[in-house]
């Protein structure tokens, strides 16, 4: 059975193994080093495993400008958000194009960036093009604003996978999921991506989709715990806050909503709150 081609036509694999890995590890001891933040670490893993296919590294200037202006790579392949390695001016000055740069998660060598180019960029332009706002209360805009003023471009090689990955038993590389589809004889697959626990409405949509598909790929987004600082900044000196997000009868949703409520009361003791409960939702048990 033949599956559809990966996005861009090629399933990328930038993870080095065996002799090549051993040689690169030895060479890395003499390379300039970069410490990566959580987002950069995630990007390195996604690039290396092919989740970002057909991208093989952090974007060079041509791809970056094409994505920001037209949501396409320079070769015309659809791609909506830049995948970039932002660094400080100091780091940009000490790194030279043509060098290999060792990428670290604390003391763990993750891989190597084969530095092909470095360039400056316009943060407000990227924010406005990608998120359609330059408001710093938007977390994506805030991330662009806080990152370095230079971008590094080049292919990467993954030597070690990051430490501390969650849900390891459920993590599957694109190559693994494609093999699973073939082994199950699935020809039409519906994929459902969610950043929240699956609730009743999600379940209904999935069941409807399964009526015309062979299998379901549930693809949750997981990451760092929500940072509520932008929310608290947005509340400011307000006297009244309406919390209207229904919990859909899901304990995890209710617990998150309760956490926001407690934080608002603790940090804004003058605050009055009103809770909007969606029609049909009954009382919920108190969170643990």
C-alpha atoms as a PDB file:
ATOM      1  CA  UNK A   1       0.000   0.000   0.000  1.00  0.00           C
ATOM      2  CA  UNK A   2       1.319   3.435  -0.959  1.00  0.00           C
ATOM      3  CA  UNK A   3       0.802   6.448   1.285  1.00  0.00           C
ATOM      4  CA  UNK A   4       0.675  10.025   0.062  1.00  0.00           C
ATOM      5  CA  UNK A   5       4.028  11.779  -0.161  1.00  0.00           C
ATOM      6  CA  UNK A   6       5.293  13.753   2.847  1.00  0.00           C
ATOM      7  CA  UNK A   7       4.836  17.518   2.723  1.00  0.00           C
ATOM      8  CA  UNK A   8       7.266  18.899   0.171  1.00  0.00           C
ATOM      9  CA  UNK A   9       7.866  15.450  -1.282  1.00  0.00           C
ATOM     10  CA  UNK A  10      10.624  14.244   1.051  1.00  0.00           C
ATOM     11  CA  UNK A  11      10.551  12.878   4.598  1.00  0.00           C
ATOM     12  CA  UNK A  12      13.584  14.456   6.257  1.00  0.00           C
ATOM     13  CA  UNK A  13      15.824  12.554   8.677  1.00  0.00           C
ATOM     14  CA  UNK A  14      18.667  14.604  10.177  1.00  0.00           C
ATOM     15  CA  UNK A  15      19.489  12.237  13.053  1.00  0.00           C
ATOM     16  CA  UNK A  16      23.028  10.876  12.735  1.00  0.00           C
ATOM     17  CA  UNK A  17      23.947   7.414  13.965  1.00  0.00           C
ATOM     18  CA  UNK A  18      26.852   4.976  14.117  1.00  0.00           C
ATOM     19  CA  UNK A  19      30.259   6.065  12.891  1.00  0.00           C
ATOM     20  CA  UNK A  20      29.012   9.425  11.610  1.00  0.00           C
ATOM     21  CA  UNK A  21      27.598  10.205  15.060  1.00  0.00           C
ATOM     22  CA  UNK A  22      30.828   9.220  16.819  1.00  0.00           C
ATOM     23  CA  UNK A  23      32.919  11.403  14.504  1.00  0.00           C
ATOM     24  CA  UNK A  24      30.608  14.404  14.924  1.00  0.00           C
ATOM     25  CA  UNK A  25      30.658  14.040  18.711  1.00  0.00           C
ATOM     26  CA  UNK A  26      34.473  14.132  18.720  1.00  0.00           C
ATOM     27  CA  UNK A  27      34.542  17.163  16.436  1.00  0.00           C
ATOM     28  CA  UNK A  28      31.941  18.961  18.568  1.00  0.00           C
ATOM     29  CA  UNK A  29      34.426  19.304  21.442  1.00  0.00           C
ATOM     30  CA  UNK A  30      36.324  21.935  19.424  1.00  0.00           C
ATOM     31  CA  UNK A  31      33.288  23.751  18.000  1.00  0.00           C
ATOM     32  CA  UNK A  32      31.854  27.036  19.269  1.00  0.00           C
ATOM     33  CA  UNK A  33      28.846  26.359  21.489  1.00  0.00           C
ATOM     34  CA  UNK A  34      25.277  27.628  21.753  1.00  0.00           C
ATOM     35  CA  UNK A  35      22.908  26.978  24.649  1.00  0.00           C
ATOM     36  CA  UNK A  36      19.348  26.506  23.390  1.00  0.00           C
ATOM     37  CA  UNK A  37      16.084  27.527  24.996  1.00  0.00           C
ATOM     38  CA  UNK A  38      13.055  25.232  25.213  1.00  0.00           C
ATOM     39  CA  UNK A  39      11.573  26.374  21.906  1.00  0.00           C
ATOM     40  CA  UNK A  40      14.851  25.964  20.020  1.00  0.00           C
ATOM     41  CA  UNK A  41      15.344  22.497  21.513  1.00  0.00           C
ATOM     42  CA  UNK A  42      11.889  21.494  20.307  1.00  0.00           C
ATOM     43  CA  UNK A  43      12.593  22.894  16.835  1.00  0.00           C
ATOM     44  CA  UNK A  44      15.854  20.926  16.563  1.00  0.00           C
ATOM     45  CA  UNK A  45      13.994  17.698  17.379  1.00  0.00           C
ATOM     46  CA  UNK A  46      11.134  18.457  14.980  1.00  0.00           C
ATOM     47  CA  UNK A  47      13.526  19.260  12.143  1.00  0.00           C
ATOM     48  CA  UNK A  48      15.669  16.179  12.714  1.00  0.00           C
ATOM     49  CA  UNK A  49      12.790  13.698  12.873  1.00  0.00           C
ATOM     50  CA  UNK A  50      11.057  15.038   9.784  1.00  0.00           C
ATOM     51  CA  UNK A  51       8.086  16.618  11.538  1.00  0.00           C
ATOM     52  CA  UNK A  52       9.010  19.864   9.750  1.00  0.00           C
ATOM     53  CA  UNK A  53       9.645  18.198   6.360  1.00  0.00           C
ATOM     54  CA  UNK A  54      10.873  19.376   3.892  1.00  0.00           C
ATOM     55  CA  UNK A  55      12.905  21.741   6.133  1.00  0.00           C
ATOM     56  CA  UNK A  56      16.373  20.390   6.986  1.00  0.00           C
ATOM     57  CA  UNK A  57      17.539  23.172   9.270  1.00  0.00           C
ATOM     58  CA  UNK A  58      16.890  26.672  10.487  1.00  0.00           C
ATOM     59  CA  UNK A  59      15.744  28.959   7.697  1.00  0.00           C
ATOM     60  CA  UNK A  60      18.110  31.075   5.685  1.00  0.00           C
ATOM     61  CA  UNK A  61      17.186  34.598   4.658  1.00  0.00           C
ATOM     62  CA  UNK A  62      15.518  33.664   1.360  1.00  0.00           C
ATOM     63  CA  UNK A  63      13.179  31.124   2.981  1.00  0.00           C
ATOM     64  CA  UNK A  64      12.552  33.428   5.946  1.00  0.00           C
ATOM     65  CA  UNK A  65      11.516  36.373   3.763  1.00  0.00           C
ATOM     66  CA  UNK A  66       9.347  34.161   1.550  1.00  0.00           C
ATOM     67  CA  UNK A  67       7.519  32.672   4.532  1.00  0.00           C
ATOM     68  CA  UNK A  68       6.931  36.042   6.187  1.00  0.00           C
ATOM     69  CA  UNK A  69       5.662  37.659   2.991  1.00  0.00           C
ATOM     70  CA  UNK A  70       3.756  34.820   1.327  1.00  0.00           C
ATOM     71  CA  UNK A  71       3.534  31.827   3.717  1.00  0.00           C
ATOM     72  CA  UNK A  72       5.651  29.786   1.316  1.00  0.00           C
ATOM     73  CA  UNK A  73       9.248  28.642   1.210  1.00  0.00           C
ATOM     74  CA  UNK A  74      11.467  30.142  -1.475  1.00  0.00           C
ATOM     75  CA  UNK A  75      10.773  27.081  -3.647  1.00  0.00           C
ATOM     76  CA  UNK A  76       7.005  27.650  -3.410  1.00  0.00           C
ATOM     77  CA  UNK A  77       6.113  24.941  -0.863  1.00  0.00           C
ATOM     78  CA  UNK A  78       3.433  26.130   1.576  1.00  0.00           C
ATOM     79  CA  UNK A  79       4.831  27.040   5.018  1.00  0.00           C
ATOM     80  CA  UNK A  80       3.099  29.536   7.330  1.00  0.00           C
ATOM     81  CA  UNK A  81       5.523  30.306  10.193  1.00  0.00           C
ATOM     82  CA  UNK A  82       9.299  30.908  10.140  1.00  0.00           C
ATOM     83  CA  UNK A  83      11.481  28.271  11.810  1.00  0.00           C
ATOM     84  CA  UNK A  84      14.459  30.290  12.985  1.00  0.00           C
ATOM     85  CA  UNK A  85      17.434  30.262  15.342  1.00  0.00           C
ATOM     86  CA  UNK A  86      17.604  33.686  16.981  1.00  0.00           C
ATOM     87  CA  UNK A  87      20.792  34.736  18.779  1.00  0.00           C
ATOM     88  CA  UNK A  88      22.194  37.841  20.401  1.00  0.00           C
ATOM     89  CA  UNK A  89      24.428  40.286  18.562  1.00  0.00           C
ATOM     90  CA  UNK A  90      27.367  39.017  20.614  1.00  0.00           C
ATOM     91  CA  UNK A  91      26.779  35.412  19.557  1.00  0.00           C
ATOM     92  CA  UNK A  92      26.303  36.445  15.924  1.00  0.00           C
ATOM     93  CA  UNK A  93      29.660  38.251  15.951  1.00  0.00           C
ATOM     94  CA  UNK A  94      31.608  35.301  17.387  1.00  0.00           C
ATOM     95  CA  UNK A  95      30.117  32.753  14.963  1.00  0.00           C
ATOM     96  CA  UNK A  96      31.323  32.654  11.369  1.00  0.00           C
ATOM     97  CA  UNK A  97      29.443  31.329   8.339  1.00  0.00           C
ATOM     98  CA  UNK A  98      30.876  28.023   7.222  1.00  0.00           C
ATOM     99  CA  UNK A  99      31.488  26.944  10.824  1.00  0.00           C
ATOM    100  CA  UNK A 100      29.851  24.035  12.601  1.00  0.00           C
ATOM    101  CA  UNK A 101      28.253  25.101  15.882  1.00  0.00           C
ATOM    102  CA  UNK A 102      27.610  22.675  18.767  1.00  0.00           C
ATOM    103  CA  UNK A 103      24.060  22.939  20.138  1.00  0.00           C
ATOM    104  CA  UNK A 104      23.509  22.204  23.827  1.00  0.00           C
ATOM    105  CA  UNK A 105      20.702  21.587  26.290  1.00  0.00           C
ATOM    106  CA  UNK A 106      22.550  22.481  29.494  1.00  0.00           C
ATOM    107  CA  UNK A 107      25.401  19.915  29.502  1.00  0.00           C
ATOM    108  CA  UNK A 108      23.850  17.622  26.879  1.00  0.00           C
ATOM    109  CA  UNK A 109      25.168  17.875  23.327  1.00  0.00           C
ATOM    110  CA  UNK A 110      22.046  17.810  21.150  1.00  0.00           C
ATOM    111  CA  UNK A 111      23.559  18.284  17.760  1.00  0.00           C
ATOM    112  CA  UNK A 112      25.325  20.558  15.330  1.00  0.00           C
ATOM    113  CA  UNK A 113      24.223  23.557  13.287  1.00  0.00           C
ATOM    114  CA  UNK A 114      26.068  23.715   9.968  1.00  0.00           C
ATOM    115  CA  UNK A 115      26.050  27.495   9.816  1.00  0.00           C
ATOM    116  CA  UNK A 116      25.428  28.681   6.260  1.00  0.00           C
ATOM    117  CA  UNK A 117      24.353  32.275   6.883  1.00  0.00           C
ATOM    118  CA  UNK A 118      23.455  34.858   9.510  1.00  0.00           C
ATOM    119  CA  UNK A 119      21.241  37.886   9.010  1.00  0.00           C
ATOM    120  CA  UNK A 120      19.187  40.541  10.766  1.00  0.00           C
ATOM    121  CA  UNK A 121      15.413  40.820  10.490  1.00  0.00           C
ATOM    122  CA  UNK A 122      12.489  43.119  11.293  1.00  0.00           C
ATOM    123  CA  UNK A 123      10.671  41.816  14.384  1.00  0.00           C
ATOM    124  CA  UNK A 124       7.553  43.957  14.012  1.00  0.00           C
ATOM    125  CA  UNK A 125       7.171  42.903  10.366  1.00  0.00           C
ATOM    126  CA  UNK A 126       7.369  39.213  11.312  1.00  0.00           C
ATOM    127  CA  UNK A 127       4.883  39.640  14.150  1.00  0.00           C
ATOM    128  CA  UNK A 128       2.400  41.518  11.987  1.00  0.00           C
ATOM    129  CA  UNK A 129       2.709  39.075   9.079  1.00  0.00           C
ATOM    130  CA  UNK A 130       2.493  35.892  11.163  1.00  0.00           C
ATOM    131  CA  UNK A 131       0.160  36.889  14.011  1.00  0.00           C
ATOM    132  CA  UNK A 132      -1.588  39.891  12.428  1.00  0.00           C
ATOM    133  CA  UNK A 133      -0.749  42.015  15.463  1.00  0.00           C
ATOM    134  CA  UNK A 134       2.218  43.726  17.083  1.00  0.00           C
ATOM    135  CA  UNK A 135       0.575  43.795  20.526  1.00  0.00           C
ATOM    136  CA  UNK A 136       3.105  42.556  23.100  1.00  0.00           C
ATOM    137  CA  UNK A 137       0.295  40.951  25.095  1.00  0.00           C
ATOM    138  CA  UNK A 138       0.149  38.298  22.375  1.00  0.00           C
ATOM    139  CA  UNK A 139       2.512  35.491  23.519  1.00  0.00           C
ATOM    140  CA  UNK A 140       3.843  34.892  20.009  1.00  0.00           C
ATOM    141  CA  UNK A 141       4.620  38.584  19.538  1.00  0.00           C
ATOM    142  CA  UNK A 142       6.218  38.688  22.988  1.00  0.00           C
ATOM    143  CA  UNK A 143       8.445  35.729  22.072  1.00  0.00           C
ATOM    144  CA  UNK A 144       9.654  37.469  18.892  1.00  0.00           C
ATOM    145  CA  UNK A 145      10.245  40.702  20.816  1.00  0.00           C
ATOM    146  CA  UNK A 146      12.317  38.944  23.513  1.00  0.00           C
ATOM    147  CA  UNK A 147      14.529  36.860  21.227  1.00  0.00           C
ATOM    148  CA  UNK A 148      17.873  37.863  19.719  1.00  0.00           C
ATOM    149  CA  UNK A 149      18.319  40.369  16.904  1.00  0.00           C
ATOM    150  CA  UNK A 150      20.142  37.986  14.552  1.00  0.00           C
ATOM    151  CA  UNK A 151      19.025  34.762  12.871  1.00  0.00           C
ATOM    152  CA  UNK A 152      21.290  31.825  12.004  1.00  0.00           C
ATOM    153  CA  UNK A 153      20.510  29.646   9.001  1.00  0.00           C
ATOM    154  CA  UNK A 154      21.759  26.183   8.091  1.00  0.00           C
ATOM    155  CA  UNK A 155      21.097  22.453   8.207  1.00  0.00           C
ATOM    156  CA  UNK A 156      21.278  20.637  11.535  1.00  0.00           C
ATOM    157  CA  UNK A 157      22.464  17.195  12.599  1.00  0.00           C
ATOM    158  CA  UNK A 158      20.899  15.603  15.685  1.00  0.00           C
ATOM    159  CA  UNK A 159      23.308  13.625  17.882  1.00  0.00           C
ATOM    160  CA  UNK A 160      21.261  13.112  21.065  1.00  0.00           C
ATOM    161  CA  UNK A 161      17.570  13.568  21.693  1.00  0.00           C
ATOM    162  CA  UNK A 162      16.638  16.063  24.424  1.00  0.00           C
ATOM    163  CA  UNK A 163      16.408  15.140  28.075  1.00  0.00           C
ATOM    164  CA  UNK A 164      13.128  15.343  29.958  1.00  0.00           C
ATOM    165  CA  UNK A 165      10.741  14.522  27.131  1.00  0.00           C
ATOM    166  CA  UNK A 166       7.210  13.833  28.340  1.00  0.00           C
ATOM    167  CA  UNK A 167       4.910  11.003  27.205  1.00  0.00           C
ATOM    168  CA  UNK A 168       7.836   9.108  25.702  1.00  0.00           C
ATOM    169  CA  UNK A 169       5.777   5.948  25.150  1.00  0.00           C
ATOM    170  CA  UNK A 170       3.370   7.871  22.921  1.00  0.00           C
ATOM    171  CA  UNK A 171       5.911   9.874  20.932  1.00  0.00           C
ATOM    172  CA  UNK A 172       6.186   8.607  17.386  1.00  0.00           C
ATOM    173  CA  UNK A 173       8.375  10.042  14.649  1.00  0.00           C
ATOM    174  CA  UNK A 174       6.700  10.628  11.261  1.00  0.00           C
ATOM    175  CA  UNK A 175       8.511   7.594   9.868  1.00  0.00           C
ATOM    176  CA  UNK A 176       7.033   5.474  12.675  1.00  0.00           C
ATOM    177  CA  UNK A 177       3.477   6.695  12.189  1.00  0.00           C
ATOM    178  CA  UNK A 178       3.685   6.068   8.446  1.00  0.00           C
ATOM    179  CA  UNK A 179       4.848   2.517   9.168  1.00  0.00           C
ATOM    180  CA  UNK A 180       1.955   2.058  11.613  1.00  0.00           C
ATOM    181  CA  UNK A 181      -0.516   3.202   8.956  1.00  0.00           C
ATOM    182  CA  UNK A 182       0.868   0.675   6.476  1.00  0.00           C
ATOM    183  CA  UNK A 183       0.871  -2.166   9.023  1.00  0.00           C
ATOM    184  CA  UNK A 184      -2.791  -1.492   9.828  1.00  0.00           C
ATOM    185  CA  UNK A 185      -3.762  -1.255   6.180  1.00  0.00           C
ATOM    186  CA  UNK A 186      -5.035   2.302   6.600  1.00  0.00           C
ATOM    187  CA  UNK A 187      -5.475   4.119   3.306  1.00  0.00           C
ATOM    188  CA  UNK A 188      -7.453   7.142   4.531  1.00  0.00           C
ATOM    189  CA  UNK A 189      -6.440   8.641   7.885  1.00  0.00           C
ATOM    190  CA  UNK A 190      -8.091  11.486   9.740  1.00  0.00           C
ATOM    191  CA  UNK A 191      -5.778  13.467  12.018  1.00  0.00           C
ATOM    192  CA  UNK A 192      -7.041  15.477  14.969  1.00  0.00           C
ATOM    193  CA  UNK A 193      -4.722  18.008  16.594  1.00  0.00           C
ATOM    194  CA  UNK A 194      -5.688  19.579  19.894  1.00  0.00           C
ATOM    195  CA  UNK A 195      -3.936  21.637  22.547  1.00  0.00           C
ATOM    196  CA  UNK A 196      -6.531  20.655  25.186  1.00  0.00           C
ATOM    197  CA  UNK A 197      -7.797  17.355  26.599  1.00  0.00           C
ATOM    198  CA  UNK A 198     -10.328  15.788  24.236  1.00  0.00           C
ATOM    199  CA  UNK A 199     -13.861  16.716  25.314  1.00  0.00           C
ATOM    200  CA  UNK A 200     -17.319  15.664  24.149  1.00  0.00           C
ATOM    201  CA  UNK A 201     -17.501  17.922  21.114  1.00  0.00           C
ATOM    202  CA  UNK A 202     -14.080  16.710  19.972  1.00  0.00           C
ATOM    203  CA  UNK A 203     -15.176  13.114  20.429  1.00  0.00           C
ATOM    204  CA  UNK A 204     -18.279  13.721  18.307  1.00  0.00           C
ATOM    205  CA  UNK A 205     -16.221  15.275  15.492  1.00  0.00           C
ATOM    206  CA  UNK A 206     -13.802  12.345  15.572  1.00  0.00           C
ATOM    207  CA  UNK A 207     -16.604   9.774  15.427  1.00  0.00           C
ATOM    208  CA  UNK A 208     -18.145  11.548  12.444  1.00  0.00           C
ATOM    209  CA  UNK A 209     -14.786  11.619  10.672  1.00  0.00           C
ATOM    210  CA  UNK A 210     -14.262   7.919  11.350  1.00  0.00           C
ATOM    211  CA  UNK A 211     -17.350   7.151   9.286  1.00  0.00           C
ATOM    212  CA  UNK A 212     -15.351   7.968   6.142  1.00  0.00           C
ATOM    213  CA  UNK A 213     -11.805   7.074   7.308  1.00  0.00           C
ATOM    214  CA  UNK A 214      -9.877   3.903   8.146  1.00  0.00           C
ATOM    215  CA  UNK A 215      -8.146   5.260  11.240  1.00  0.00           C
ATOM    216  CA  UNK A 216      -7.642   8.225  13.567  1.00  0.00           C
ATOM    217  CA  UNK A 217      -4.324   9.883  14.427  1.00  0.00           C
ATOM    218  CA  UNK A 218      -4.768  11.826  17.666  1.00  0.00           C
ATOM    219  CA  UNK A 219      -2.072  14.483  17.670  1.00  0.00           C
ATOM    220  CA  UNK A 220      -2.071  16.518  20.904  1.00  0.00           C
ATOM    221  CA  UNK A 221       0.205  19.500  21.385  1.00  0.00           C
ATOM    222  CA  UNK A 222       2.155  19.391  24.640  1.00  0.00           C
ATOM    223  CA  UNK A 223       4.730  21.782  26.001  1.00  0.00           C
ATOM    224  CA  UNK A 224       5.617  24.092  28.807  1.00  0.00           C
ATOM    225  CA  UNK A 225       2.996  24.985  31.392  1.00  0.00           C
ATOM    226  CA  UNK A 226       0.998  28.100  30.602  1.00  0.00           C
ATOM    227  CA  UNK A 227       2.603  31.334  31.722  1.00  0.00           C
ATOM    228  CA  UNK A 228      -0.092  33.513  33.247  1.00  0.00           C
ATOM    229  CA  UNK A 229       2.024  36.672  33.470  1.00  0.00           C
ATOM    230  CA  UNK A 230       0.620  38.141  30.212  1.00  0.00           C
ATOM    231  CA  UNK A 231      -2.896  37.438  31.487  1.00  0.00           C
ATOM    232  CA  UNK A 232      -2.220  39.207  34.778  1.00  0.00           C
ATOM    233  CA  UNK A 233      -0.733  42.147  32.866  1.00  0.00           C
ATOM    234  CA  UNK A 234      -3.824  42.282  30.680  1.00  0.00           C
ATOM    235  CA  UNK A 235      -6.108  42.350  33.750  1.00  0.00           C
ATOM    236  CA  UNK A 236      -4.133  45.285  35.144  1.00  0.00           C
ATOM    237  CA  UNK A 237      -6.248  47.375  37.541  1.00  0.00           C
ATOM    238  CA  UNK A 238      -9.587  46.061  36.319  1.00  0.00           C
ATOM    239  CA  UNK A 239     -12.290  45.698  38.962  1.00  0.00           C
ATOM    240  CA  UNK A 240     -14.252  42.980  37.195  1.00  0.00           C
ATOM    241  CA  UNK A 241     -13.179  39.969  35.182  1.00  0.00           C
ATOM    242  CA  UNK A 242     -15.561  37.610  33.401  1.00  0.00           C
ATOM    243  CA  UNK A 243     -14.347  34.027  33.077  1.00  0.00           C
ATOM    244  CA  UNK A 244     -16.432  32.552  30.308  1.00  0.00           C
ATOM    245  CA  UNK A 245     -14.536  29.523  29.000  1.00  0.00           C
ATOM    246  CA  UNK A 246     -16.720  26.503  29.595  1.00  0.00           C
ATOM    247  CA  UNK A 247     -15.007  23.430  31.022  1.00  0.00           C
ATOM    248  CA  UNK A 248     -17.060  21.028  28.852  1.00  0.00           C
ATOM    249  CA  UNK A 249     -17.386  18.754  31.867  1.00  0.00           C
ATOM    250  CA  UNK A 250     -13.658  18.000  31.715  1.00  0.00           C
ATOM    251  CA  UNK A 251     -11.812  17.906  35.023  1.00  0.00           C
ATOM    252  CA  UNK A 252      -8.547  19.157  33.503  1.00  0.00           C
ATOM    253  CA  UNK A 253     -10.292  22.237  32.066  1.00  0.00           C
ATOM    254  CA  UNK A 254     -11.974  22.980  35.373  1.00  0.00           C
ATOM    255  CA  UNK A 255      -8.728  22.657  37.303  1.00  0.00           C
ATOM    256  CA  UNK A 256      -6.994  25.095  34.904  1.00  0.00           C
ATOM    257  CA  UNK A 257      -9.836  27.575  35.229  1.00  0.00           C
ATOM    258  CA  UNK A 258      -9.689  27.271  39.013  1.00  0.00           C
ATOM    259  CA  UNK A 259      -5.930  27.915  38.909  1.00  0.00           C
ATOM    260  CA  UNK A 260      -6.451  31.139  36.957  1.00  0.00           C
ATOM    261  CA  UNK A 261      -9.149  32.220  39.411  1.00  0.00           C
ATOM    262  CA  UNK A 262      -6.940  31.580  42.444  1.00  0.00           C
ATOM    263  CA  UNK A 263      -4.027  33.437  40.868  1.00  0.00           C
ATOM    264  CA  UNK A 264      -6.214  36.435  40.014  1.00  0.00           C
ATOM    265  CA  UNK A 265      -7.546  36.614  43.570  1.00  0.00           C
ATOM    266  CA  UNK A 266      -4.083  36.247  45.110  1.00  0.00           C
ATOM    267  CA  UNK A 267      -2.400  38.854  42.918  1.00  0.00           C
ATOM    268  CA  UNK A 268      -5.357  41.211  42.467  1.00  0.00           C
ATOM    269  CA  UNK A 269      -7.099  41.212  45.852  1.00  0.00           C
ATOM    270  CA  UNK A 270      -9.343  44.091  44.761  1.00  0.00           C
ATOM    271  CA  UNK A 271     -10.767  42.028  41.918  1.00  0.00           C
ATOM    272  CA  UNK A 272     -14.429  41.118  41.581  1.00  0.00           C
ATOM    273  CA  UNK A 273     -15.116  38.034  39.494  1.00  0.00           C
ATOM    274  CA  UNK A 274     -18.109  36.672  37.655  1.00  0.00           C
ATOM    275  CA  UNK A 275     -18.220  33.135  36.306  1.00  0.00           C
ATOM    276  CA  UNK A 276     -20.187  32.490  33.154  1.00  0.00           C
ATOM    277  CA  UNK A 277     -21.470  28.911  33.010  1.00  0.00           C
ATOM    278  CA  UNK A 278     -22.544  27.576  29.640  1.00  0.00           C
ATOM    279  CA  UNK A 279     -26.085  26.303  29.271  1.00  0.00           C
ATOM    280  CA  UNK A 280     -26.348  22.636  30.138  1.00  0.00           C
ATOM    281  CA  UNK A 281     -23.287  22.543  32.368  1.00  0.00           C
ATOM    282  CA  UNK A 282     -23.995  21.549  35.900  1.00  0.00           C
ATOM    283  CA  UNK A 283     -21.894  22.101  39.014  1.00  0.00           C
ATOM    284  CA  UNK A 284     -18.454  20.567  38.972  1.00  0.00           C
ATOM    285  CA  UNK A 285     -16.411  19.002  41.751  1.00  0.00           C
ATOM    286  CA  UNK A 286     -13.731  21.132  43.358  1.00  0.00           C
ATOM    287  CA  UNK A 287     -10.253  20.536  41.943  1.00  0.00           C
ATOM    288  CA  UNK A 288      -7.688  18.587  43.928  1.00  0.00           C
END
